[in-house]
Each structure stands twice: as C-alpha cells, then as structure tokens.
C-alpha atoms as a PDB file:
ATOM      1  CA  MET A   1      -7.183   7.793  13.355  1.00  0.00           C
ATOM      2  CA  ALA A   2      -9.918   8.016  10.714  1.00  0.00           C
ATOM      3  CA  GLN A   3     -10.687  11.650  11.577  1.00  0.00           C
ATOM      4  CA  SER A   4      -7.071  12.664  11.174  1.00  0.00           C
ATOM      5  CA  ALA A   5      -6.978  10.922   7.793  1.00  0.00           C
ATOM      6  CA  GLU A   6      -9.945  12.963   6.601  1.00  0.00           C
ATOM      7  CA  ALA A   7      -8.176  16.103   7.736  1.00  0.00           C
ATOM      8  CA  ALA A   8      -5.089  15.066   5.809  1.00  0.00           C
ATOM      9  CA  HIS A   9      -7.230  14.610   2.727  1.00  0.00           C
ATOM     10  CA  ALA A  10      -8.727  18.054   3.104  1.00  0.00           C
ATOM     11  CA  ALA A  11      -5.269  19.569   3.286  1.00  0.00           C
ATOM     12  CA  GLY A  12      -3.695  17.354   0.628  1.00  0.00           C
ATOM     13  CA  GLN A  13      -4.900  19.594  -2.126  1.00  0.00           C
ATOM     14  CA  ASP A  14      -3.601  21.114  -5.324  1.00  0.00           C
ATOM     15  CA  VAL A  15      -1.914  24.485  -5.329  1.00  0.00           C
ATOM     16  CA  PRO A  16      -4.451  27.310  -4.752  1.00  0.00           C
ATOM     17  CA  GLU A  17      -5.183  29.474  -7.791  1.00  0.00           C
ATOM     18  CA  GLN A  18      -3.863  32.567  -6.051  1.00  0.00           C
ATOM     19  CA  ALA A  19      -0.368  31.057  -5.771  1.00  0.00           C
ATOM     20  CA  THR A  20       2.045  33.290  -7.642  1.00  0.00           C
ATOM     21  CA  LYS A  21       5.499  32.019  -6.711  1.00  0.00           C
ATOM     22  CA  ASN A  22       7.473  29.628  -8.855  1.00  0.00           C
ATOM     23  CA  ALA A  23       7.831  27.105  -6.053  1.00  0.00           C
ATOM     24  CA  GLY A  24       5.350  25.490  -3.731  1.00  0.00           C
ATOM     25  CA  VAL A  25       5.652  23.130  -0.778  1.00  0.00           C
ATOM     26  CA  TYR A  26       5.229  19.421  -1.485  1.00  0.00           C
ATOM     27  CA  ILE A  27       3.965  17.506   1.561  1.00  0.00           C
ATOM     28  CA  TYR A  28       4.831  13.821   1.990  1.00  0.00           C
ATOM     29  CA  GLY A  29       3.360  13.166   5.396  1.00  0.00           C
ATOM     30  CA  LEU A  30       3.123  14.119   9.051  1.00  0.00           C
ATOM     31  CA  VAL A  31       5.479  13.078  11.838  1.00  0.00           C
ATOM     32  CA  PRO A  32       6.173  13.953  15.488  1.00  0.00           C
ATOM     33  CA  GLU A  33       7.915  17.315  15.813  1.00  0.00           C
ATOM     34  CA  ASP A  34      10.989  15.898  17.533  1.00  0.00           C
ATOM     35  CA  VAL A  35      12.206  13.752  14.621  1.00  0.00           C
ATOM     36  CA  GLU A  36      15.247  14.623  12.538  1.00  0.00           C
ATOM     37  CA  VAL A  37      15.646  14.350   8.768  1.00  0.00           C
ATOM     38  CA  SER A  38      18.554  12.551   7.156  1.00  0.00           C
ATOM     39  CA  GLY A  39      20.809  14.952   5.319  1.00  0.00           C
ATOM     40  CA  ASP A  40      20.851  12.814   2.166  1.00  0.00           C
ATOM     41  CA  ALA A  41      17.052  12.522   1.864  1.00  0.00           C
ATOM     42  CA  ARG A  42      15.784  13.981  -1.412  1.00  0.00           C
ATOM     43  CA  GLY A  43      12.315  14.784  -2.669  1.00  0.00           C
ATOM     44  CA  VAL A  44      10.343  14.802  -5.906  1.00  0.00           C
ATOM     45  CA  GLY A  45      11.159  16.983  -8.879  1.00  0.00           C
ATOM     46  CA  ASP A  46      13.632  17.229 -11.728  1.00  0.00           C
ATOM     47  CA  GLU A  47      16.249  18.523  -9.320  1.00  0.00           C
ATOM     48  CA  ALA A  48      15.619  16.426  -6.228  1.00  0.00           C
ATOM     49  CA  THR A  49      15.342  18.978  -3.439  1.00  0.00           C
ATOM     50  CA  GLU A  50      16.271  18.629   0.198  1.00  0.00           C
ATOM     51  CA  ILE A  51      13.711  17.236   2.609  1.00  0.00           C
ATOM     52  CA  ARG A  52      12.917  19.394   5.621  1.00  0.00           C
ATOM     53  CA  LEU A  53      10.371  19.694   8.420  1.00  0.00           C
ATOM     54  CA  ILE A  54       7.798  22.382   9.078  1.00  0.00           C
ATOM     55  CA  ARG A  55       7.095  22.126  12.792  1.00  0.00           C
ATOM     56  CA  HIS A  56       4.051  23.267  14.728  1.00  0.00           C
ATOM     57  CA  GLY A  57       3.352  22.262  18.302  1.00  0.00           C
ATOM     58  CA  GLU A  58       3.918  18.531  18.707  1.00  0.00           C
ATOM     59  CA  ILE A  59       3.692  17.630  15.022  1.00  0.00           C
ATOM     60  CA  ALA A  60       5.575  18.413  11.822  1.00  0.00           C
ATOM     61  CA  ALA A  61       5.051  18.184   8.073  1.00  0.00           C
ATOM     62  CA  LEU A  62       7.670  16.350   6.032  1.00  0.00           C
ATOM     63  CA  VAL A  63       8.142  18.547   2.956  1.00  0.00           C
ATOM     64  CA  SER A  64      10.350  19.709   0.105  1.00  0.00           C
ATOM     65  CA  ASP A  65      10.158  22.552  -2.414  1.00  0.00           C
ATOM     66  CA  VAL A  66       8.633  21.801  -5.794  1.00  0.00           C
ATOM     67  CA  ALA A  67       8.306  23.839  -9.001  1.00  0.00           C
ATOM     68  CA  LEU A  68       4.677  24.816  -9.484  1.00  0.00           C
ATOM     69  CA  GLY A  69       4.797  24.706 -13.260  1.00  0.00           C
ATOM     70  CA  ARG A  70       6.135  21.171 -13.388  1.00  0.00           C
ATOM     71  CA  PRO A  71       3.567  18.354 -13.613  1.00  0.00           C
ATOM     72  CA  LEU A  72       4.063  15.607 -11.042  1.00  0.00           C
ATOM     73  CA  GLY A  73       3.575  11.922 -11.666  1.00  0.00           C
ATOM     74  CA  THR A  74       6.711  10.558 -13.278  1.00  0.00           C
ATOM     75  CA  PRO A  75       7.828   7.090 -12.169  1.00  0.00           C
ATOM     76  CA  ASP A  76      10.760   8.732 -10.394  1.00  0.00           C
ATOM     77  CA  ASP A  77       8.418  11.074  -8.499  1.00  0.00           C
ATOM     78  CA  LEU A  78       6.232   8.190  -7.386  1.00  0.00           C
ATOM     79  CA  PHE A  79       9.253   6.171  -6.314  1.00  0.00           C
ATOM     80  CA  ARG A  80      10.747   9.005  -4.274  1.00  0.00           C
ATOM     81  CA  HIS A  81       7.425   9.764  -2.597  1.00  0.00           C
ATOM     82  CA  GLY A  82       6.919   6.166  -1.503  1.00  0.00           C
ATOM     83  CA  ALA A  83      10.544   5.479  -0.658  1.00  0.00           C
ATOM     84  CA  LEU A  84      10.754   8.500   1.640  1.00  0.00           C
ATOM     85  CA  LEU A  85       7.564   7.586   3.498  1.00  0.00           C
ATOM     86  CA  ASP A  86       8.550   3.926   3.849  1.00  0.00           C
ATOM     87  CA  ALA A  87      12.033   4.800   5.117  1.00  0.00           C
ATOM     88  CA  THR A  88      10.428   7.174   7.605  1.00  0.00           C
ATOM     89  CA  ALA A  89       7.909   4.558   8.769  1.00  0.00           C
ATOM     90  CA  ALA A  90      10.764   2.171   9.563  1.00  0.00           C
ATOM     91  CA  GLU A  91      12.050   4.659  12.147  1.00  0.00           C
ATOM     92  CA  VAL A  92       9.166   6.835  13.397  1.00  0.00           C
ATOM     93  CA  PRO A  93       5.364   7.026  13.118  1.00  0.00           C
ATOM     94  CA  VAL A  94       4.185   8.768   9.944  1.00  0.00           C
ATOM     95  CA  ILE A  95       0.806   9.728   8.502  1.00  0.00           C
ATOM     96  CA  PRO A  96       1.222   9.553   4.705  1.00  0.00           C
ATOM     97  CA  LEU A  97      -0.492  12.110   2.524  1.00  0.00           C
ATOM     98  CA  ARG A  98      -1.632  11.177  -0.958  1.00  0.00           C
ATOM     99  CA  PHE A  99       0.811  11.643  -3.807  1.00  0.00           C
ATOM    100  CA  GLY A 100       0.765  15.166  -5.238  1.00  0.00           C
ATOM    101  CA  SER A 101      -0.193  17.073  -2.086  1.00  0.00           C
ATOM    102  CA  VAL A 102       1.089  20.618  -2.612  1.00  0.00           C
ATOM    103  CA  MET A 103       0.465  23.869  -0.751  1.00  0.00           C
ATOM    104  CA  THR A 104       1.445  27.439  -1.549  1.00  0.00           C
ATOM    105  CA  ASN A 105       4.058  28.097   1.107  1.00  0.00           C
ATOM    106  CA  GLU A 106       5.152  27.232   4.641  1.00  0.00           C
ATOM    107  CA  LYS A 107       2.648  29.627   6.163  1.00  0.00           C
ATOM    108  CA  ALA A 108      -0.194  27.820   4.402  1.00  0.00           C
ATOM    109  CA  VAL A 109       1.087  24.461   5.652  1.00  0.00           C
ATOM    110  CA  VAL A 110       0.986  25.728   9.235  1.00  0.00           C
ATOM    111  CA  GLU A 111      -2.277  27.661   9.038  1.00  0.00           C
ATOM    112  CA  GLU A 112      -4.323  25.324   6.826  1.00  0.00           C
ATOM    113  CA  LEU A 113      -2.948  21.904   7.746  1.00  0.00           C
ATOM    114  CA  LEU A 114      -1.040  21.738  11.015  1.00  0.00           C
ATOM    115  CA  THR A 115      -2.912  24.241  13.175  1.00  0.00           C
ATOM    116  CA  PRO A 116      -6.563  23.237  12.595  1.00  0.00           C
ATOM    117  CA  HIS A 117      -5.841  19.490  12.794  1.00  0.00           C
ATOM    118  CA  HIS A 118      -3.006  19.481  15.314  1.00  0.00           C
ATOM    119  CA  ASP A 119      -4.703  17.387  17.995  1.00  0.00           C
ATOM    120  CA  GLU A 120      -6.100  14.839  15.519  1.00  0.00           C
ATOM    121  CA  PHE A 121      -2.732  14.308  13.898  1.00  0.00           C
ATOM    122  CA  ARG A 122      -0.968  14.099  17.245  1.00  0.00           C
ATOM    123  CA  SER A 123      -3.407  11.432  18.445  1.00  0.00           C
ATOM    124  CA  ALA A 124      -3.021   9.425  15.245  1.00  0.00           C
ATOM    125  CA  LEU A 125       0.762   9.573  15.475  1.00  0.00           C
ATOM    126  CA  GLU A 126       0.578   8.367  19.065  1.00  0.00           C
ATOM    127  CA  GLU A 127      -1.506   5.387  17.883  1.00  0.00           C
ATOM    128  CA  LEU A 128       1.080   4.646  15.195  1.00  0.00           C
ATOM    129  CA  GLU A 129       4.056   4.799  17.570  1.00  0.00           C
ATOM    130  CA  GLY A 130       6.143   1.657  17.113  1.00  0.00           C
ATOM    131  CA  ARG A 131       3.886   0.383  14.315  1.00  0.00           C
ATOM    132  CA  ALA A 132       4.144   0.137  10.545  1.00  0.00           C
ATOM    133  CA  GLU A 133       2.341  -1.547   7.675  1.00  0.00           C
ATOM    134  CA  TYR A 134       3.411  -4.857   6.172  1.00  0.00           C
ATOM    135  CA  VAL A 135       1.954  -6.328   2.988  1.00  0.00           C
ATOM    136  CA  ILE A 136       1.865 -10.101   2.546  1.00  0.00           C
ATOM    137  CA  LYS A 137       1.642 -11.266  -1.041  1.00  0.00           C
ATOM    138  CA  GLY A 138       1.265 -14.769  -2.388  1.00  0.00           C
ATOM    139  CA  ARG A 139       0.933 -15.729  -6.037  1.00  0.00           C
ATOM    140  CA  TYR A 140      -0.112 -19.116  -7.382  1.00  0.00           C
ATOM    141  CA  VAL A 141       2.403 -21.010  -9.491  1.00  0.00           C
ATOM    142  CA  ASP A 142       0.756 -21.129 -12.909  1.00  0.00           C
ATOM    143  CA  GLN A 143       0.971 -24.809 -13.863  1.00  0.00           C
ATOM    144  CA  THR A 144       0.409 -26.037 -10.312  1.00  0.00           C
ATOM    145  CA  LEU A 145      -2.763 -23.969 -10.072  1.00  0.00           C
ATOM    146  CA  PHE A 146      -4.058 -25.306 -13.375  1.00  0.00           C
ATOM    147  CA  ARG A 147      -3.424 -28.899 -12.342  1.00  0.00           C
ATOM    148  CA  GLU A 148      -5.211 -28.338  -9.032  1.00  0.00           C
ATOM    149  CA  VAL A 149      -8.294 -26.976 -10.750  1.00  0.00           C
ATOM    150  CA  LEU A 150      -8.416 -29.855 -13.245  1.00  0.00           C
ATOM    151  CA  SER A 151      -8.075 -32.416 -10.458  1.00  0.00           C
ATOM    152  CA  GLU A 152     -10.719 -30.798  -8.249  1.00  0.00           C
ATOM    153  CA  VAL A 153     -13.321 -29.753 -10.866  1.00  0.00           C
ATOM    154  CA  PRO A 154     -14.440 -32.731 -13.029  1.00  0.00           C
ATOM    155  CA  GLU A 155     -16.258 -30.530 -15.535  1.00  0.00           C
ATOM    156  CA  ALA A 156     -13.101 -28.503 -16.120  1.00  0.00           C
ATOM    157  CA  ALA A 157     -11.092 -31.662 -16.750  1.00  0.00           C
ATOM    158  CA  GLN A 158     -13.731 -32.914 -19.196  1.00  0.00           C
ATOM    159  CA  LEU A 159     -13.767 -29.628 -21.094  1.00  0.00           C
ATOM    160  CA  ARG A 160      -9.984 -29.621 -21.226  1.00  0.00           C
ATOM    161  CA  GLU A 161     -10.029 -33.048 -22.862  1.00  0.00           C
ATOM    162  CA  GLN A 162     -12.801 -31.958 -25.209  1.00  0.00           C
ATOM    163  CA  ILE A 163     -10.990 -28.934 -26.634  1.00  0.00           C
ATOM    164  CA  GLN A 164      -7.489 -30.400 -26.910  1.00  0.00           C
ATOM    165  CA  GLY A 165      -6.408 -30.534 -30.535  1.00  0.00           C
ATOM    166  CA  GLN A 166      -9.667 -28.969 -31.739  1.00  0.00           C
ATOM    167  CA  PRO A 167     -10.001 -25.722 -33.735  1.00  0.00           C
ATOM    168  CA  GLU A 168     -10.764 -22.695 -31.579  1.00  0.00           C
ATOM    169  CA  ASP A 169     -13.793 -21.656 -33.640  1.00  0.00           C
ATOM    170  CA  LEU A 170     -15.433 -25.054 -33.090  1.00  0.00           C
ATOM    171  CA  THR A 171     -14.799 -25.116 -29.333  1.00  0.00           C
ATOM    172  CA  ARG A 172     -15.469 -21.478 -28.492  1.00  0.00           C
ATOM    173  CA  ASN A 173     -18.275 -22.139 -26.013  1.00  0.00           C
ATOM    174  CA  ALA A 174     -16.330 -24.904 -24.312  1.00  0.00           C
ATOM    175  CA  ARG A 175     -13.307 -22.640 -23.960  1.00  0.00           C
ATOM    176  CA  ILE A 176     -15.430 -19.866 -22.474  1.00  0.00           C
ATOM    177  CA  ARG A 177     -16.976 -22.283 -19.998  1.00  0.00           C
ATOM    178  CA  LEU A 178     -13.562 -23.658 -19.044  1.00  0.00           C
ATOM    179  CA  GLY A 179     -12.337 -20.139 -18.403  1.00  0.00           C
ATOM    180  CA  GLU A 180     -15.342 -19.463 -16.172  1.00  0.00           C
ATOM    181  CA  LEU A 181     -14.739 -22.633 -14.166  1.00  0.00           C
ATOM    182  CA  ILE A 182     -11.059 -21.839 -13.698  1.00  0.00           C
ATOM    183  CA  ASN A 183     -11.864 -18.305 -12.569  1.00  0.00           C
ATOM    184  CA  GLN A 184     -14.480 -19.533 -10.093  1.00  0.00           C
ATOM    185  CA  ALA A 185     -12.063 -22.100  -8.706  1.00  0.00           C
ATOM    186  CA  VAL A 186      -9.281 -19.531  -8.301  1.00  0.00           C
ATOM    187  CA  VAL A 187     -11.613 -17.145  -6.469  1.00  0.00           C
ATOM    188  CA  ALA A 188     -12.652 -19.924  -4.085  1.00  0.00           C
ATOM    189  CA  LYS A 189      -9.041 -20.961  -3.503  1.00  0.00           C
ATOM    190  CA  ARG A 190      -8.003 -17.350  -2.915  1.00  0.00           C
ATOM    191  CA  GLU A 191     -10.729 -16.883  -0.310  1.00  0.00           C
ATOM    192  CA  ALA A 192      -9.783 -20.086   1.500  1.00  0.00           C
ATOM    193  CA  ASP A 193      -6.040 -19.409   1.412  1.00  0.00           C
ATOM    194  CA  THR A 194      -6.480 -15.799   2.511  1.00  0.00           C
ATOM    195  CA  GLN A 195      -8.662 -16.937   5.393  1.00  0.00           C
ATOM    196  CA  ALA A 196      -6.080 -19.499   6.489  1.00  0.00           C
ATOM    197  CA  LEU A 197      -3.283 -16.942   6.416  1.00  0.00           C
ATOM    198  CA  THR A 198      -5.193 -14.177   8.224  1.00  0.00           C
ATOM    199  CA  GLU A 199      -6.196 -16.562  11.010  1.00  0.00           C
ATOM    200  CA  GLU A 200      -2.500 -17.048  11.758  1.00  0.00           C
ATOM    201  CA  VAL A 201      -1.333 -13.492  11.108  1.00  0.00           C
ATOM    202  CA  GLY A 202      -4.315 -11.715  12.656  1.00  0.00           C
ATOM    203  CA  PRO A 203      -3.243 -12.124  16.303  1.00  0.00           C
ATOM    204  CA  LEU A 204       0.036 -10.353  15.514  1.00  0.00           C
ATOM    205  CA  ALA A 205      -1.661  -7.324  13.962  1.00  0.00           C
ATOM    206  CA  THR A 206      -3.438  -4.263  15.299  1.00  0.00           C
ATOM    207  CA  LEU A 207      -5.483  -3.961  12.103  1.00  0.00           C
ATOM    208  CA  THR A 208      -5.827  -6.090   8.979  1.00  0.00           C
ATOM    209  CA  VAL A 209      -7.036  -5.176   5.476  1.00  0.00           C
ATOM    210  CA  MET A 210      -7.777  -7.634   2.682  1.00  0.00           C
ATOM    211  CA  ARG A 211      -6.466  -5.994  -0.477  1.00  0.00           C
ATOM    212  CA  GLU A 212      -8.013  -6.528  -3.887  1.00  0.00           C
ATOM    213  CA  PRO A 213      -5.988  -8.909  -6.070  1.00  0.00           C
ATOM    214  CA  SER A 214      -3.382  -7.124  -8.167  1.00  0.00           C
ATOM    215  CA  HIS A 215      -3.048 -10.129 -10.498  1.00  0.00           C
ATOM    216  CA  GLU A 216      -5.418 -12.873 -11.576  1.00  0.00           C
ATOM    217  CA  GLN A 217      -3.134 -15.471  -9.974  1.00  0.00           C
ATOM    218  CA  ASP A 218      -2.913 -13.749  -6.597  1.00  0.00           C
ATOM    219  CA  ALA A 219      -3.398 -16.225  -3.772  1.00  0.00           C
ATOM    220  CA  VAL A 220      -3.237 -13.785  -0.858  1.00  0.00           C
ATOM    221  CA  HIS A 221      -2.879 -10.001  -0.706  1.00  0.00           C
ATOM    222  CA  VAL A 222      -3.167  -8.783   2.863  1.00  0.00           C
ATOM    223  CA  ALA A 223      -2.006  -5.615   4.622  1.00  0.00           C
ATOM    224  CA  VAL A 224      -1.441  -5.548   8.372  1.00  0.00           C
ATOM    225  CA  LEU A 225      -0.668  -2.722  10.765  1.00  0.00           C
ATOM    226  CA  MET A 226       1.526  -4.104  13.505  1.00  0.00           C
ATOM    227  CA  GLU A 227       4.351  -3.392  15.913  1.00  0.00           C
ATOM    228  CA  THR A 228       7.684  -3.351  14.134  1.00  0.00           C
ATOM    229  CA  ASP A 229       9.354  -5.284  16.931  1.00  0.00           C
ATOM    230  CA  ARG A 230       7.125  -8.255  16.019  1.00  0.00           C
ATOM    231  CA  GLN A 231       8.404  -8.416  12.451  1.00  0.00           C
ATOM    232  CA  ASP A 232      10.357 -11.601  13.210  1.00  0.00           C
ATOM    233  CA  GLU A 233       7.121 -13.290  14.317  1.00  0.00           C
ATOM    234  CA  LEU A 234       5.385 -12.226  11.114  1.00  0.00           C
ATOM    235  CA  GLU A 235       8.239 -13.539   9.011  1.00  0.00           C
ATOM    236  CA  ARG A 236       8.129 -16.841  10.878  1.00  0.00           C
ATOM    237  CA  VAL A 237       4.418 -17.304  10.178  1.00  0.00           C
ATOM    238  CA  VAL A 238       4.736 -16.346   6.508  1.00  0.00           C
ATOM    239  CA  ASN A 239       7.744 -18.644   6.087  1.00  0.00           C
ATOM    240  CA  GLU A 240       5.709 -21.495   7.553  1.00  0.00           C
ATOM    241  CA  PHE A 241       3.048 -20.900   4.915  1.00  0.00           C
ATOM    242  CA  ALA A 242       5.720 -20.649   2.225  1.00  0.00           C
ATOM    243  CA  ASP A 243       6.957 -24.094   3.262  1.00  0.00           C
ATOM    244  CA  ARG A 244       3.422 -25.491   3.472  1.00  0.00           C
ATOM    245  CA  TRP A 245       2.591 -24.101   0.017  1.00  0.00           C
ATOM    246  CA  SER A 246       5.987 -24.804  -1.551  1.00  0.00           C
ATOM    247  CA  GLY A 247       5.673 -25.289  -5.303  1.00  0.00           C
ATOM    248  CA  ARG A 248       2.100 -24.018  -5.158  1.00  0.00           C
ATOM    249  CA  VAL A 249       2.267 -20.396  -3.920  1.00  0.00           C
ATOM    250  CA  GLU A 250       5.232 -18.015  -3.987  1.00  0.00           C
ATOM    251  CA  MET A 251       5.200 -15.863  -0.836  1.00  0.00           C
ATOM    252  CA  ARG A 252       6.815 -12.544   0.084  1.00  0.00           C
ATOM    253  CA  ILE A 253       6.523  -9.738   2.628  1.00  0.00           C
ATOM    254  CA  LEU A 254       6.837  -6.028   1.871  1.00  0.00           C
ATOM    255  CA  GLY A 255       7.673  -3.721   4.759  1.00  0.00           C
ATOM    256  CA  PRO A 256       7.946  -1.946   6.997  1.00  0.00           C
ATOM    257  CA  LEU A 257       5.860   0.541   4.991  1.00  0.00           C
ATOM    258  CA  ALA A 258       3.996   3.739   5.732  1.00  0.00           C
ATOM    259  CA  PRO A 259       0.409   2.879   6.786  1.00  0.00           C
ATOM    260  CA  TYR A 260      -1.187   3.606   3.402  1.00  0.00           C
ATOM    261  CA  ASP A 261      -4.007   1.089   3.797  1.00  0.00           C
ATOM    262  CA  PHE A 262      -4.914   2.373   7.245  1.00  0.00           C
ATOM    263  CA  ILE A 263      -4.637   6.127   6.722  1.00  0.00           C
ATOM    264  CA  THR A 264      -4.236   7.144   3.086  1.00  0.00           C
ATOM    265  CA  ALA A 265      -6.947   4.776   1.791  1.00  0.00           C
ATOM    266  CA  ARG A 266      -9.507   6.547   3.952  1.00  0.00           C
ATOM    267  CA  THR A 267      -8.554   9.956   2.587  1.00  0.00           C
ATOM    268  CA  GLN A 268     -10.191   8.995  -0.683  1.00  0.00           C
ATOM    269  CA  GLU A 269     -13.637   8.631   0.857  1.00  0.00           C
END
C-alpha cells in the first residue's frame, strides 16, 4: 500500500510545461475499473465539470476536465475534491490523490500514471476493499477542563488564587507559569484519554493513526482504517466514551472517508 502511495505522489504533479491546451485532466483518485460514476457528480472549477473515469486494465482514474489557466485552491474546490472522494469511499475502494493533481491529457494519465503503476494500485485497492477511514474527534469542555486541572495540580490552584484581582503587569510571571502548568496538564490528559480510546477502538481497526491536535483543547484525534460493515461497532464504542465523558469531552465521528491518513499522508514523504 505504501509503494502505491509513492507512485500516486509521483504522478500527482502539476501540469507539464509543454502543455498547450486550455484544459487539463484533474485527477481525484484511483478506483477499480468496474465502478460506475453517478451522473450528478461534479468536479472542481468555476463551471463544475462532469466526473468521468479513465480506465486501464483493472484500475481507473477518477477525473474531470479543468481549465489550465485557472488557479486551484478555492474553498469550493477543496470541498468538491474531498466530498467526491469521501462519497466514493463510502461505496468502493479509492486511493486519494493530493489536491491539485493535474495532468496534460487522458493519454498522459494512462501512460504516466496508470500503466507504470497498474499492479501497485490494483493491489492497494484490493487491500482497501470494504474499508474506509473514520476520524474520531473529542474536544474538552472548556470550563470542565479548567476545573479538572485546578483540582489535580495544587500549584496551578495556588497561582490562580494569587493572580485573581491583581494587575496583569504585576502577575506576569505567575500567569506565564499557570499557562505552562495548564498546557502540561492538558497534554498529559490528552495522552491518557487517547490511549484509553485507542485500546477500545484498536481491535476494530486494520490500521490506526494518532493525528496531531487541531485545537489546543483536543482530547482525542484518531484516524482508523476499518471495514465499513463494522461502523455500528465503532459508533457503539465511541458512544460509550461519550457517555463516560459526558460534560467533560464532546465526541464525534467523521466518516466513512477516503483513506487520506493511510495513503495520501505518505505521498508527502
């Protein structure tokens, strides 16, 4: 699976300098050749173009036409790219390419992407059959977190009492120290809570990735690659944690998603 990701990265390039046409081929990802595309699926660009497949052997590239002179990267472009891949992942295995992957024409897609890496992509798609990514996010409730830290860290509670009602310029060092203690406590809590969650979720997953926090109050941020027919089991486990952490951590699940953390992340190496 890692080898095919590297191949996808090599092919997920900008338009070659020799391109002379006004339109190129935008590539979203790779799928088995026998899938069908929904007629209402639309791609990136000012005029959302029709999604189609470029087939070769047992694999296919999920593509649409895109104007070469138009810069990509608008919020709408990013949304359409992700939404198409996630909708695809809910139905069939898909190898996502990084946002902005454009090639000159269909011939280039076949000759430079699909042909040289056909067997790698086919093997990766076989591994992904029936699987998708799910992201589990938990965020600490602000005031609850603060109260926990003050009750568990005596020095933090003392500093809090010390600075209350005092001018900021006279308590600057104390405020800095309090901030450090809170940050250290949150990091420790995050590690412990993430460990507790992954111990329960891990057996359901094929692969697990601990994501970096996206917010300073993140409690857990975990991606799992797992069989889609076990989604109910995942939801049950996460709901149990939501009940256990009620009023302390707000939990949610995102998915099924394309396997970004297990394919696309490696294309950046």
